Structure formats: C-alpha cells, structure tokens
Amino acid sequence: MSTPMSILIAVMATFGTSAMELDPDDVFCLAQNIYFESSIEQRNGKAAVAHVTLNRVENRRYPDNVCGVVWQHRQFSWTQDGKSDRIPLYDARRREQPWVYDAWIESAEVAIEAMLALSQDPTEGANYYYAHDLVTPSWSEQFTVAAVIGNHTFMRRPRGS
C-alpha cells in the first residue's frame, strides 16, 4: 500500500536532483497544507496557497521554515479542526480513493514547483487568505486584497505597514 510520504518522494524524484535536495518534511508539510486548504481548487488556487505559505517563511513575523509556518498555532483551520490530519488514500474498507490520490499528487507537485521557484506567485506576495464563500473574518478589514482565486481571497498588509 502506498503512503502519502512514499507518493511524495516518488513525485519529488520526477523533478530530478534539485527536488531531491529539498527537505522532504518541509515538502510534506507544504503539500499537506495545500491539500487540506485547497484540494478542490484548480492548480492556480493550490499554487496560491503554496505561495502564501512560502511568503510567510520569508516574513519575519512568522517561523523561518515551512513546517513551522504550517503548524503555527491558529494559522490554518485544518490544523485545529479536531479532524484527522492523515491524507485519506484509502477508505474504511481499505479501498483506494482515486480522487484523493490525484489531489495529493497535484498538491505535492505544486509544493515542489513553488519550493523550486518553478511557479510564479499568483497572490503577488500575499501572506493571508480566507475562504470567502464561508467566512469574512474581522481581520480582513486591516489588509489589502491582492487576488481572488477560486474560493479564496488573498490579502497582504497595506504598503508601508
């Protein structure tokens, strides 16, 4: 049986030696964040989530590594919703769930592309986002909309702040 990590390592190998030099744990954390935050989004929406995560890594207000950003307290809803953080490749009867495989593989690909700077940031440097069909958080009033992609609104601090 395949595991999420074995699939991720296989995907990393398809990108060649530069991807194999990435920290697999950081790639896994980023792919997890992409999967849980945007698995139903188009590839561009997944890339936007990846780039927000990486933009935070580069921002002094956040931890300086991917897993630190992803698991920072109360930053991403899936890390605090009380549900399993496993990628459900198999159902309760141990049958493969093909749509999960596809979403996980694409999440891994998008994570690697972003980490290797093979994709452009569609959020133009955003550090925040929310699912506008579900919520409009009070904190969003403090920020500038950078992009609306799929079901998410991406935001950044106003220039000069």
C-alpha atoms as a PDB file:
ATOM      1  CA  MET A   1       0.000   0.000   0.000  1.00  0.00           C
ATOM      2  CA  SER A   2       1.199   3.457  -0.848  1.00  0.00           C
ATOM      3  CA  THR A   3       1.605   6.064   1.837  1.00  0.00           C
ATOM      4  CA  PRO A   4       1.361   9.826   1.408  1.00  0.00           C
ATOM      5  CA  MET A   5       5.109  10.147   2.060  1.00  0.00           C
ATOM      6  CA  SER A   6       6.059   7.411  -0.430  1.00  0.00           C
ATOM      7  CA  ILE A   7       3.947   9.121  -3.086  1.00  0.00           C
ATOM      8  CA  LEU A   8       5.549  12.464  -2.236  1.00  0.00           C
ATOM      9  CA  ILE A   9       9.071  11.025  -2.558  1.00  0.00           C
ATOM     10  CA  ALA A  10       8.138   9.500  -5.934  1.00  0.00           C
ATOM     11  CA  VAL A  11       6.808  12.848  -7.129  1.00  0.00           C
ATOM     12  CA  MET A  12       9.967  14.582  -5.886  1.00  0.00           C
ATOM     13  CA  ALA A  13      12.057  12.120  -7.923  1.00  0.00           C
ATOM     14  CA  THR A  14      10.234  13.100 -11.114  1.00  0.00           C
ATOM     15  CA  PHE A  15      11.573  16.655 -10.669  1.00  0.00           C
ATOM     16  CA  GLY A  16      15.198  15.468 -10.613  1.00  0.00           C
ATOM     17  CA  THR A  17      18.127  16.193  -8.351  1.00  0.00           C
ATOM     18  CA  SER A  18      17.129  19.731  -7.402  1.00  0.00           C
ATOM     19  CA  ALA A  19      13.890  18.446  -5.843  1.00  0.00           C
ATOM     20  CA  MET A  20      15.718  15.624  -4.092  1.00  0.00           C
ATOM     21  CA  GLU A  21      17.778  18.281  -2.288  1.00  0.00           C
ATOM     22  CA  LEU A  22      14.628  19.725  -0.691  1.00  0.00           C
ATOM     23  CA  ASP A  23      13.777  18.725   2.869  1.00  0.00           C
ATOM     24  CA  PRO A  24      11.088  16.016   2.455  1.00  0.00           C
ATOM     25  CA  ASP A  25       9.475  17.040   5.753  1.00  0.00           C
ATOM     26  CA  ASP A  26       9.051  20.637   4.560  1.00  0.00           C
ATOM     27  CA  VAL A  27       7.708  19.441   1.201  1.00  0.00           C
ATOM     28  CA  PHE A  28       5.289  17.157   3.050  1.00  0.00           C
ATOM     29  CA  CYS A  29       4.087  19.979   5.337  1.00  0.00           C
ATOM     30  CA  LEU A  30       3.559  22.283   2.357  1.00  0.00           C
ATOM     31  CA  ALA A  31       1.764  19.586   0.342  1.00  0.00           C
ATOM     32  CA  GLN A  32      -0.434  18.822   3.367  1.00  0.00           C
ATOM     33  CA  ASN A  33      -1.331  22.484   3.702  1.00  0.00           C
ATOM     34  CA  ILE A  34      -2.141  22.713   0.011  1.00  0.00           C
ATOM     35  CA  TYR A  35      -4.211  19.522   0.157  1.00  0.00           C
ATOM     36  CA  PHE A  36      -6.263  20.456   3.218  1.00  0.00           C
ATOM     37  CA  GLU A  37      -6.687  24.122   2.323  1.00  0.00           C
ATOM     38  CA  SER A  38      -7.321  23.808  -1.408  1.00  0.00           C
ATOM     39  CA  SER A  39      -7.708  20.242  -2.686  1.00  0.00           C
ATOM     40  CA  ILE A  40     -10.886  21.165  -4.571  1.00  0.00           C
ATOM     41  CA  GLU A  41      -9.308  24.230  -6.188  1.00  0.00           C
ATOM     42  CA  GLN A  42      -7.772  24.412  -9.634  1.00  0.00           C
ATOM     43  CA  ARG A  43      -3.969  24.201  -9.799  1.00  0.00           C
ATOM     44  CA  ASN A  44      -3.668  28.010  -9.650  1.00  0.00           C
ATOM     45  CA  GLY A  45      -5.599  28.038  -6.363  1.00  0.00           C
ATOM     46  CA  LYS A  46      -3.296  25.383  -4.957  1.00  0.00           C
ATOM     47  CA  ALA A  47      -0.275  27.415  -6.096  1.00  0.00           C
ATOM     48  CA  ALA A  48      -1.695  30.469  -4.345  1.00  0.00           C
ATOM     49  CA  VAL A  49      -1.909  28.586  -1.036  1.00  0.00           C
ATOM     50  CA  ALA A  50       1.644  27.297  -1.535  1.00  0.00           C
ATOM     51  CA  HIS A  51       2.997  30.774  -2.183  1.00  0.00           C
ATOM     52  CA  VAL A  52       1.219  32.326   0.812  1.00  0.00           C
ATOM     53  CA  THR A  53       2.841  29.662   2.988  1.00  0.00           C
ATOM     54  CA  LEU A  54       6.269  30.350   1.461  1.00  0.00           C
ATOM     55  CA  ASN A  55       5.729  34.117   1.681  1.00  0.00           C
ATOM     56  CA  ARG A  56       5.236  33.641   5.411  1.00  0.00           C
ATOM     57  CA  VAL A  57       8.501  31.706   5.679  1.00  0.00           C
ATOM     58  CA  GLU A  58      10.247  34.778   4.235  1.00  0.00           C
ATOM     59  CA  ASN A  59       8.394  37.187   6.562  1.00  0.00           C
ATOM     60  CA  ARG A  60       9.970  37.949   9.947  1.00  0.00           C
ATOM     61  CA  ARG A  61       6.527  37.768  11.614  1.00  0.00           C
ATOM     62  CA  TYR A  62       6.409  34.001  11.045  1.00  0.00           C
ATOM     63  CA  PRO A  63       8.611  30.957  11.654  1.00  0.00           C
ATOM     64  CA  ASP A  64      11.500  30.591   9.203  1.00  0.00           C
ATOM     65  CA  ASN A  65      10.624  27.120   7.924  1.00  0.00           C
ATOM     66  CA  VAL A  66       7.632  25.573   6.165  1.00  0.00           C
ATOM     67  CA  CYS A  67       6.547  23.162   8.906  1.00  0.00           C
ATOM     68  CA  GLY A  68       6.835  25.938  11.494  1.00  0.00           C
ATOM     69  CA  VAL A  69       4.547  28.169   9.420  1.00  0.00           C
ATOM     70  CA  VAL A  70       2.026  25.411   8.701  1.00  0.00           C
ATOM     71  CA  TRP A  71       1.807  24.261  12.315  1.00  0.00           C
ATOM     72  CA  GLN A  72       1.939  27.717  13.897  1.00  0.00           C
ATOM     73  CA  HIS A  73      -0.942  27.975  16.347  1.00  0.00           C
ATOM     74  CA  ARG A  74      -4.266  29.071  14.839  1.00  0.00           C
ATOM     75  CA  GLN A  75      -2.984  29.909  11.366  1.00  0.00           C
ATOM     76  CA  PHE A  76      -4.645  27.274   9.162  1.00  0.00           C
ATOM     77  CA  SER A  77      -8.079  25.919  10.022  1.00  0.00           C
ATOM     78  CA  TRP A  78      -7.313  22.285   9.196  1.00  0.00           C
ATOM     79  CA  THR A  79      -4.558  22.140  11.835  1.00  0.00           C
ATOM     80  CA  GLN A  80      -7.020  22.940  14.614  1.00  0.00           C
ATOM     81  CA  ASP A  81     -10.342  21.461  13.470  1.00  0.00           C
ATOM     82  CA  GLY A  82     -10.021  18.272  15.526  1.00  0.00           C
ATOM     83  CA  LYS A  83     -10.197  16.064  12.428  1.00  0.00           C
ATOM     84  CA  SER A  84      -7.539  13.626  11.318  1.00  0.00           C
ATOM     85  CA  ASP A  85      -4.546  15.185   9.565  1.00  0.00           C
ATOM     86  CA  ARG A  86      -3.985  11.999   7.560  1.00  0.00           C
ATOM     87  CA  ILE A  87      -4.305  12.042   3.781  1.00  0.00           C
ATOM     88  CA  PRO A  88      -7.167   9.519   3.325  1.00  0.00           C
ATOM     89  CA  LEU A  89      -5.770   7.495   0.411  1.00  0.00           C
ATOM     90  CA  TYR A  90      -7.940   4.537   1.452  1.00  0.00           C
ATOM     91  CA  ASP A  91     -11.472   4.313   2.803  1.00  0.00           C
ATOM     92  CA  ALA A  92     -12.524   2.296   5.880  1.00  0.00           C
ATOM     93  CA  ARG A  93     -12.615  -0.876   3.760  1.00  0.00           C
ATOM     94  CA  ARG A  94      -9.040  -0.215   2.593  1.00  0.00           C
ATOM     95  CA  ARG A  95     -10.155   0.639  -0.946  1.00  0.00           C
ATOM     96  CA  GLU A  96      -8.200   3.271  -2.803  1.00  0.00           C
ATOM     97  CA  GLN A  97      -9.844   6.654  -3.214  1.00  0.00           C
ATOM     98  CA  PRO A  98      -8.607   7.778  -6.647  1.00  0.00           C
ATOM     99  CA  TRP A  99      -9.697  11.416  -6.272  1.00  0.00           C
ATOM    100  CA  VAL A 100      -7.619  11.666  -3.087  1.00  0.00           C
ATOM    101  CA  TYR A 101      -4.587  10.210  -4.894  1.00  0.00           C
ATOM    102  CA  ASP A 102      -4.996  12.744  -7.687  1.00  0.00           C
ATOM    103  CA  ALA A 103      -5.440  15.683  -5.282  1.00  0.00           C
ATOM    104  CA  TRP A 104      -2.456  14.552  -3.185  1.00  0.00           C
ATOM    105  CA  ILE A 105      -0.181  14.113  -6.214  1.00  0.00           C
ATOM    106  CA  GLU A 106      -1.146  17.532  -7.551  1.00  0.00           C
ATOM    107  CA  SER A 107      -0.609  19.071  -4.093  1.00  0.00           C
ATOM    108  CA  ALA A 108       2.869  17.511  -3.977  1.00  0.00           C
ATOM    109  CA  GLU A 109       3.686  18.747  -7.490  1.00  0.00           C
ATOM    110  CA  VAL A 110       2.524  22.266  -6.675  1.00  0.00           C
ATOM    111  CA  ALA A 111       4.531  22.264  -3.428  1.00  0.00           C
ATOM    112  CA  ILE A 112       7.709  21.222  -5.224  1.00  0.00           C
ATOM    113  CA  GLU A 113       7.204  23.714  -8.052  1.00  0.00           C
ATOM    114  CA  ALA A 114       6.743  26.538  -5.541  1.00  0.00           C
ATOM    115  CA  MET A 115       9.724  25.499  -3.419  1.00  0.00           C
ATOM    116  CA  LEU A 116      11.948  25.280  -6.511  1.00  0.00           C
ATOM    117  CA  ALA A 117      10.654  28.658  -7.771  1.00  0.00           C
ATOM    118  CA  LEU A 118       9.227  26.981 -10.875  1.00  0.00           C
ATOM    119  CA  SER A 119       5.896  28.746 -10.427  1.00  0.00           C
ATOM    120  CA  GLN A 120       5.013  32.392 -10.103  1.00  0.00           C
ATOM    121  CA  ASP A 121       3.211  33.732  -7.059  1.00  0.00           C
ATOM    122  CA  PRO A 122      -0.366  34.397  -8.225  1.00  0.00           C
ATOM    123  CA  THR A 123      -1.060  36.265  -4.969  1.00  0.00           C
ATOM    124  CA  GLU A 124       1.533  38.996  -5.580  1.00  0.00           C
ATOM    125  CA  GLY A 125       3.120  38.493  -2.173  1.00  0.00           C
ATOM    126  CA  ALA A 126       0.056  37.826  -0.014  1.00  0.00           C
ATOM    127  CA  ASN A 127       0.538  36.451   3.486  1.00  0.00           C
ATOM    128  CA  TYR A 128      -3.132  35.897   4.307  1.00  0.00           C
ATOM    129  CA  TYR A 129      -6.234  34.376   2.784  1.00  0.00           C
ATOM    130  CA  TYR A 130      -9.695  33.209   3.656  1.00  0.00           C
ATOM    131  CA  ALA A 131     -12.435  31.163   2.023  1.00  0.00           C
ATOM    132  CA  HIS A 132     -14.802  33.972   1.046  1.00  0.00           C
ATOM    133  CA  ASP A 133     -17.749  31.619   0.458  1.00  0.00           C
ATOM    134  CA  LEU A 134     -17.547  30.511   4.095  1.00  0.00           C
ATOM    135  CA  VAL A 135     -16.386  33.484   6.154  1.00  0.00           C
ATOM    136  CA  THR A 136     -15.376  37.120   6.121  1.00  0.00           C
ATOM    137  CA  PRO A 137     -13.008  37.400   9.075  1.00  0.00           C
ATOM    138  CA  SER A 138     -12.855  40.654  11.013  1.00  0.00           C
ATOM    139  CA  TRP A 139      -9.076  40.816  10.500  1.00  0.00           C
ATOM    140  CA  SER A 140      -9.574  41.121   6.726  1.00  0.00           C
ATOM    141  CA  GLU A 141     -10.522  44.786   7.136  1.00  0.00           C
ATOM    142  CA  GLN A 142      -6.902  45.575   8.036  1.00  0.00           C
ATOM    143  CA  PHE A 143      -5.468  44.228   4.783  1.00  0.00           C
ATOM    144  CA  THR A 144      -5.442  44.904   1.048  1.00  0.00           C
ATOM    145  CA  VAL A 145      -6.901  42.381  -1.390  1.00  0.00           C
ATOM    146  CA  ALA A 146      -4.082  41.061  -3.569  1.00  0.00           C
ATOM    147  CA  ALA A 147      -6.038  38.464  -5.547  1.00  0.00           C
ATOM    148  CA  VAL A 148      -9.232  36.461  -5.635  1.00  0.00           C
ATOM    149  CA  ILE A 149      -8.577  32.940  -6.875  1.00  0.00           C
ATOM    150  CA  GLY A 150     -11.224  30.260  -6.790  1.00  0.00           C
ATOM    151  CA  ASN A 151     -12.901  30.200  -3.392  1.00  0.00           C
ATOM    152  CA  HIS A 152     -10.202  32.236  -1.642  1.00  0.00           C
ATOM    153  CA  THR A 153      -9.438  35.918  -1.168  1.00  0.00           C
ATOM    154  CA  PHE A 154      -5.709  36.578  -0.774  1.00  0.00           C
ATOM    155  CA  MET A 155      -4.553  39.597   1.184  1.00  0.00           C
ATOM    156  CA  ARG A 156      -1.420  41.457   2.240  1.00  0.00           C
ATOM    157  CA  ARG A 157      -0.606  44.305   4.562  1.00  0.00           C
ATOM    158  CA  PRO A 158      -1.065  47.755   3.067  1.00  0.00           C
ATOM    159  CA  ARG A 159       2.172  49.151   1.621  1.00  0.00           C
ATOM    160  CA  GLY A 160       4.319  50.822   4.237  1.00  0.00           C
ATOM    161  CA  SER A 161       2.884  48.977   7.233  1.00  0.00           C
END
